[in-house]
Amino acid sequence: MLGRTAAQVAEVATVRDFTQGAVRSSGNPLDVAISYSHHLGKSVDHTISVLNNPGSGTPNTRTNVYQLLTSWSGHVTSWTRRPHRGLHVIRYEDMLAEPERTFGSVTAFLGLKPPRLRLMRAIERVTADPALHTPDLGGTARTAQVTRAVCEALAGDNE
């Protein structure tokens, strides 16, 4: 579901028809420009022009279906303007500054109730792995990978 606007998700079906819900991470566009430029394999200047373009979208190729992304502000607004019980939006900066609170809110949204110590061990285990560092920390991992890794660490034995 990541990468689609909220309206596109709503058109497909109710999120909770298929999953517990959708967690959408968002971040400072200055950080996003750097990360997204790596993803696109383009310069940061090119990526900034993409992020500022209200007609921006993904390529329509044999392996990818076109999606309208809009500008960065339009994209974020599509996820945040109308709260929905099946959608939980978190900020990347909060994952760094307040990981226990942020991931605690994600686990609560998903109906999980890990003990505080287990949640902290999962966060510590994931953040200690250099393969899960995002570009702003000198790595190449995407935010979705980090979130998924914390959830997997919670589900597994992380003692």
C-alpha atoms as a PDB file:
ATOM      1  CA  MET A   1       0.000   0.000   0.000  1.00  0.00           C
ATOM      2  CA  LEU A   2       2.973   2.328   0.448  1.00  0.00           C
ATOM      3  CA  GLY A   3       3.357   4.792  -2.380  1.00  0.00           C
ATOM      4  CA  ARG A   4      -0.332   5.113  -3.123  1.00  0.00           C
ATOM      5  CA  THR A   5      -2.437   8.106  -2.160  1.00  0.00           C
ATOM      6  CA  ALA A   6      -5.110   7.573   0.472  1.00  0.00           C
ATOM      7  CA  ALA A   7      -7.827   8.088  -2.155  1.00  0.00           C
ATOM      8  CA  GLN A   8      -6.399   5.251  -4.265  1.00  0.00           C
ATOM      9  CA  VAL A   9      -6.459   2.906  -1.266  1.00  0.00           C
ATOM     10  CA  ALA A  10     -10.067   3.877  -0.487  1.00  0.00           C
ATOM     11  CA  GLU A  11     -11.107   3.133  -4.073  1.00  0.00           C
ATOM     12  CA  VAL A  12      -9.741  -0.403  -3.950  1.00  0.00           C
ATOM     13  CA  ALA A  13     -11.529  -1.527  -0.793  1.00  0.00           C
ATOM     14  CA  THR A  14     -11.616  -0.882   2.894  1.00  0.00           C
ATOM     15  CA  VAL A  15      -8.095  -1.422   4.201  1.00  0.00           C
ATOM     16  CA  ARG A  16      -9.296  -3.671   7.004  1.00  0.00           C
ATOM     17  CA  ASP A  17     -11.004  -5.984   4.481  1.00  0.00           C
ATOM     18  CA  PHE A  18      -7.559  -7.352   3.651  1.00  0.00           C
ATOM     19  CA  THR A  19      -5.260  -6.484   6.529  1.00  0.00           C
ATOM     20  CA  GLN A  20      -5.218  -5.251  10.096  1.00  0.00           C
ATOM     21  CA  GLY A  21      -4.580  -1.785   8.710  1.00  0.00           C
ATOM     22  CA  ALA A  22      -2.080   0.376   6.881  1.00  0.00           C
ATOM     23  CA  VAL A  23       0.816   2.131   8.560  1.00  0.00           C
ATOM     24  CA  ARG A  24       2.119   5.050   6.540  1.00  0.00           C
ATOM     25  CA  SER A  25       5.417   6.645   7.465  1.00  0.00           C
ATOM     26  CA  SER A  26       6.161  10.178   6.441  1.00  0.00           C
ATOM     27  CA  GLY A  27       9.226  12.313   6.860  1.00  0.00           C
ATOM     28  CA  ASN A  28      10.805  15.688   6.406  1.00  0.00           C
ATOM     29  CA  PRO A  29      10.886  16.353   2.640  1.00  0.00           C
ATOM     30  CA  LEU A  30      14.549  17.381   2.878  1.00  0.00           C
ATOM     31  CA  ASP A  31      15.400  13.887   4.146  1.00  0.00           C
ATOM     32  CA  VAL A  32      12.941  12.270   1.755  1.00  0.00           C
ATOM     33  CA  ALA A  33      14.632  13.976  -1.215  1.00  0.00           C
ATOM     34  CA  ILE A  34      17.951  12.330  -0.367  1.00  0.00           C
ATOM     35  CA  SER A  35      16.461   8.892   0.243  1.00  0.00           C
ATOM     36  CA  TYR A  36      14.176   9.068  -2.803  1.00  0.00           C
ATOM     37  CA  SER A  37      17.077  10.192  -5.032  1.00  0.00           C
ATOM     38  CA  HIS A  38      18.885   6.965  -4.087  1.00  0.00           C
ATOM     39  CA  HIS A  39      15.724   4.989  -4.866  1.00  0.00           C
ATOM     40  CA  LEU A  40      15.299   6.697  -8.249  1.00  0.00           C
ATOM     41  CA  GLY A  41      18.997   6.624  -9.068  1.00  0.00           C
ATOM     42  CA  LYS A  42      18.780  10.341  -9.894  1.00  0.00           C
ATOM     43  CA  SER A  43      20.361  13.504  -8.535  1.00  0.00           C
ATOM     44  CA  VAL A  44      18.904  15.236  -5.487  1.00  0.00           C
ATOM     45  CA  ASP A  45      18.048  18.265  -7.682  1.00  0.00           C
ATOM     46  CA  HIS A  46      16.082  16.058 -10.086  1.00  0.00           C
ATOM     47  CA  THR A  47      14.318  14.393  -7.151  1.00  0.00           C
ATOM     48  CA  ILE A  48      13.356  17.765  -5.647  1.00  0.00           C
ATOM     49  CA  SER A  49      11.718  18.716  -8.958  1.00  0.00           C
ATOM     50  CA  VAL A  50       9.793  15.416  -8.855  1.00  0.00           C
ATOM     51  CA  LEU A  51       8.701  16.059  -5.257  1.00  0.00           C
ATOM     52  CA  ASN A  52       7.473  19.549  -6.200  1.00  0.00           C
ATOM     53  CA  ASN A  53       5.514  18.420  -9.270  1.00  0.00           C
ATOM     54  CA  PRO A  54       1.751  18.017  -8.619  1.00  0.00           C
ATOM     55  CA  GLY A  55       1.564  15.778 -11.707  1.00  0.00           C
ATOM     56  CA  SER A  56       4.328  13.469 -10.482  1.00  0.00           C
ATOM     57  CA  GLY A  57       3.749   9.751 -10.822  1.00  0.00           C
ATOM     58  CA  THR A  58       5.454   6.405 -11.130  1.00  0.00           C
ATOM     59  CA  PRO A  59       6.478   5.038 -14.518  1.00  0.00           C
ATOM     60  CA  ASN A  60       4.096   2.792 -16.433  1.00  0.00           C
ATOM     61  CA  THR A  61       6.225  -0.210 -17.380  1.00  0.00           C
ATOM     62  CA  ARG A  62       5.912  -3.947 -17.829  1.00  0.00           C
ATOM     63  CA  THR A  63       6.557  -4.421 -14.109  1.00  0.00           C
ATOM     64  CA  ASN A  64       4.987  -1.266 -12.675  1.00  0.00           C
ATOM     65  CA  VAL A  65       1.503   0.207 -12.831  1.00  0.00           C
ATOM     66  CA  TYR A  66       1.295   4.003 -13.062  1.00  0.00           C
ATOM     67  CA  GLN A  67       0.340   5.771  -9.840  1.00  0.00           C
ATOM     68  CA  LEU A  68      -0.255   9.477  -9.405  1.00  0.00           C
ATOM     69  CA  LEU A  69       1.925  10.611  -6.508  1.00  0.00           C
ATOM     70  CA  THR A  70       1.283  14.371  -6.783  1.00  0.00           C
ATOM     71  CA  SER A  71       3.666  16.793  -5.076  1.00  0.00           C
ATOM     72  CA  TRP A  72       5.158  15.895  -1.702  1.00  0.00           C
ATOM     73  CA  SER A  73       2.700  18.152   0.150  1.00  0.00           C
ATOM     74  CA  GLY A  74      -0.234  16.796  -1.859  1.00  0.00           C
ATOM     75  CA  HIS A  75       0.874  13.239  -1.188  1.00  0.00           C
ATOM     76  CA  VAL A  76       1.203  13.787   2.570  1.00  0.00           C
ATOM     77  CA  THR A  77      -2.110  15.652   2.689  1.00  0.00           C
ATOM     78  CA  SER A  78      -3.847  12.737   0.946  1.00  0.00           C
ATOM     79  CA  TRP A  79      -2.868  10.539   3.911  1.00  0.00           C
ATOM     80  CA  THR A  80      -3.454  13.009   6.726  1.00  0.00           C
ATOM     81  CA  ARG A  81      -6.426  15.222   5.879  1.00  0.00           C
ATOM     82  CA  ARG A  82      -9.088  12.676   6.840  1.00  0.00           C
ATOM     83  CA  PRO A  83      -8.210  10.302   9.668  1.00  0.00           C
ATOM     84  CA  HIS A  84      -9.415   6.733   9.151  1.00  0.00           C
ATOM     85  CA  ARG A  85      -9.580   3.871  11.639  1.00  0.00           C
ATOM     86  CA  GLY A  86      -7.722   1.640   9.176  1.00  0.00           C
ATOM     87  CA  LEU A  87      -4.822   4.035   8.680  1.00  0.00           C
ATOM     88  CA  HIS A  88      -2.079   4.994  11.113  1.00  0.00           C
ATOM     89  CA  VAL A  89       0.391   7.704  10.051  1.00  0.00           C
ATOM     90  CA  ILE A  90       3.758   8.038  11.763  1.00  0.00           C
ATOM     91  CA  ARG A  91       6.639  10.431  11.163  1.00  0.00           C
ATOM     92  CA  TYR A  92      10.108   9.112  10.442  1.00  0.00           C
ATOM     93  CA  GLU A  93      11.587  11.744  12.743  1.00  0.00           C
ATOM     94  CA  ASP A  94       9.457  10.390  15.603  1.00  0.00           C
ATOM     95  CA  MET A  95      10.762   6.871  14.971  1.00  0.00           C
ATOM     96  CA  LEU A  96      14.256   8.241  15.662  1.00  0.00           C
ATOM     97  CA  ALA A  97      13.445  10.676  18.472  1.00  0.00           C
ATOM     98  CA  GLU A  98      10.824   8.625  20.331  1.00  0.00           C
ATOM     99  CA  PRO A  99      11.051   5.021  19.122  1.00  0.00           C
ATOM    100  CA  GLU A 100       9.242   3.473  22.073  1.00  0.00           C
ATOM    101  CA  ARG A 101       6.268   5.830  21.780  1.00  0.00           C
ATOM    102  CA  THR A 102       6.149   5.647  17.975  1.00  0.00           C
ATOM    103  CA  PHE A 103       6.470   1.866  17.629  1.00  0.00           C
ATOM    104  CA  GLY A 104       4.224   1.467  20.664  1.00  0.00           C
ATOM    105  CA  SER A 105       1.532   3.364  18.770  1.00  0.00           C
ATOM    106  CA  VAL A 106       2.067   1.105  15.733  1.00  0.00           C
ATOM    107  CA  THR A 107       1.766  -2.081  17.773  1.00  0.00           C
ATOM    108  CA  ALA A 108      -1.359  -0.765  19.523  1.00  0.00           C
ATOM    109  CA  PHE A 109      -2.891   0.152  16.155  1.00  0.00           C
ATOM    110  CA  LEU A 110      -2.203  -3.373  14.894  1.00  0.00           C
ATOM    111  CA  GLY A 111      -3.801  -4.875  17.992  1.00  0.00           C
ATOM    112  CA  LEU A 112      -0.523  -6.125  19.445  1.00  0.00           C
ATOM    113  CA  LYS A 113       0.253  -5.721  23.123  1.00  0.00           C
ATOM    114  CA  PRO A 114       3.924  -6.516  23.622  1.00  0.00           C
ATOM    115  CA  PRO A 115       5.383  -5.918  27.057  1.00  0.00           C
ATOM    116  CA  ARG A 116       7.423  -2.707  27.140  1.00  0.00           C
ATOM    117  CA  LEU A 117      10.696  -4.607  27.603  1.00  0.00           C
ATOM    118  CA  ARG A 118      10.035  -6.790  24.562  1.00  0.00           C
ATOM    119  CA  LEU A 119       9.262  -3.718  22.435  1.00  0.00           C
ATOM    120  CA  MET A 120      12.486  -2.031  23.563  1.00  0.00           C
ATOM    121  CA  ARG A 121      14.557  -5.174  22.832  1.00  0.00           C
ATOM    122  CA  ALA A 122      13.077  -5.353  19.332  1.00  0.00           C
ATOM    123  CA  ILE A 123      13.898  -1.691  18.668  1.00  0.00           C
ATOM    124  CA  GLU A 124      17.433  -2.080  20.041  1.00  0.00           C
ATOM    125  CA  ARG A 125      18.057  -5.233  17.996  1.00  0.00           C
ATOM    126  CA  VAL A 126      16.942  -3.591  14.767  1.00  0.00           C
ATOM    127  CA  THR A 127      18.774  -0.308  15.300  1.00  0.00           C
ATOM    128  CA  ALA A 128      22.016  -2.190  16.068  1.00  0.00           C
ATOM    129  CA  ASP A 129      21.932  -3.838  12.617  1.00  0.00           C
ATOM    130  CA  PRO A 130      23.830  -1.666  10.079  1.00  0.00           C
ATOM    131  CA  ALA A 131      21.895  -3.341   7.238  1.00  0.00           C
ATOM    132  CA  LEU A 132      18.791  -1.621   8.619  1.00  0.00           C
ATOM    133  CA  HIS A 133      20.255   1.891   8.760  1.00  0.00           C
ATOM    134  CA  THR A 134      18.507   4.420   6.532  1.00  0.00           C
ATOM    135  CA  PRO A 135      20.422   6.830   4.230  1.00  0.00           C
ATOM    136  CA  ASP A 136      20.467   9.599   6.846  1.00  0.00           C
ATOM    137  CA  LEU A 137      22.372   7.185   9.106  1.00  0.00           C
ATOM    138  CA  GLY A 138      24.765   6.131   6.336  1.00  0.00           C
ATOM    139  CA  GLY A 139      22.827   3.056   5.209  1.00  0.00           C
ATOM    140  CA  THR A 140      20.516   2.138   2.368  1.00  0.00           C
ATOM    141  CA  ALA A 141      17.477   0.670   4.155  1.00  0.00           C
ATOM    142  CA  ARG A 142      14.026   2.104   3.521  1.00  0.00           C
ATOM    143  CA  THR A 143      11.749   3.171   6.381  1.00  0.00           C
ATOM    144  CA  ALA A 144       9.332   0.358   5.530  1.00  0.00           C
ATOM    145  CA  GLN A 145      12.164  -2.185   5.976  1.00  0.00           C
ATOM    146  CA  VAL A 146      12.971  -0.819   9.430  1.00  0.00           C
ATOM    147  CA  THR A 147       9.313  -0.865  10.506  1.00  0.00           C
ATOM    148  CA  ARG A 148       8.885  -4.413   9.178  1.00  0.00           C
ATOM    149  CA  ALA A 149      12.056  -5.546  10.971  1.00  0.00           C
ATOM    150  CA  VAL A 150      10.816  -4.177  14.312  1.00  0.00           C
ATOM    151  CA  CYS A 151       7.476  -5.967  13.851  1.00  0.00           C
ATOM    152  CA  GLU A 152       9.271  -9.205  12.911  1.00  0.00           C
ATOM    153  CA  ALA A 153      11.567  -8.877  15.933  1.00  0.00           C
ATOM    154  CA  LEU A 154       8.489  -8.455  18.118  1.00  0.00           C
ATOM    155  CA  ALA A 155       6.888 -11.548  16.621  1.00  0.00           C
ATOM    156  CA  GLY A 156      10.030 -13.639  17.031  1.00  0.00           C
ATOM    157  CA  ASP A 157      12.110 -14.489  20.012  1.00  0.00           C
ATOM    158  CA  ASN A 158      14.180 -11.402  20.666  1.00  0.00           C
ATOM    159  CA  GLU A 159      15.499 -12.184  24.114  1.00  0.00           C
END
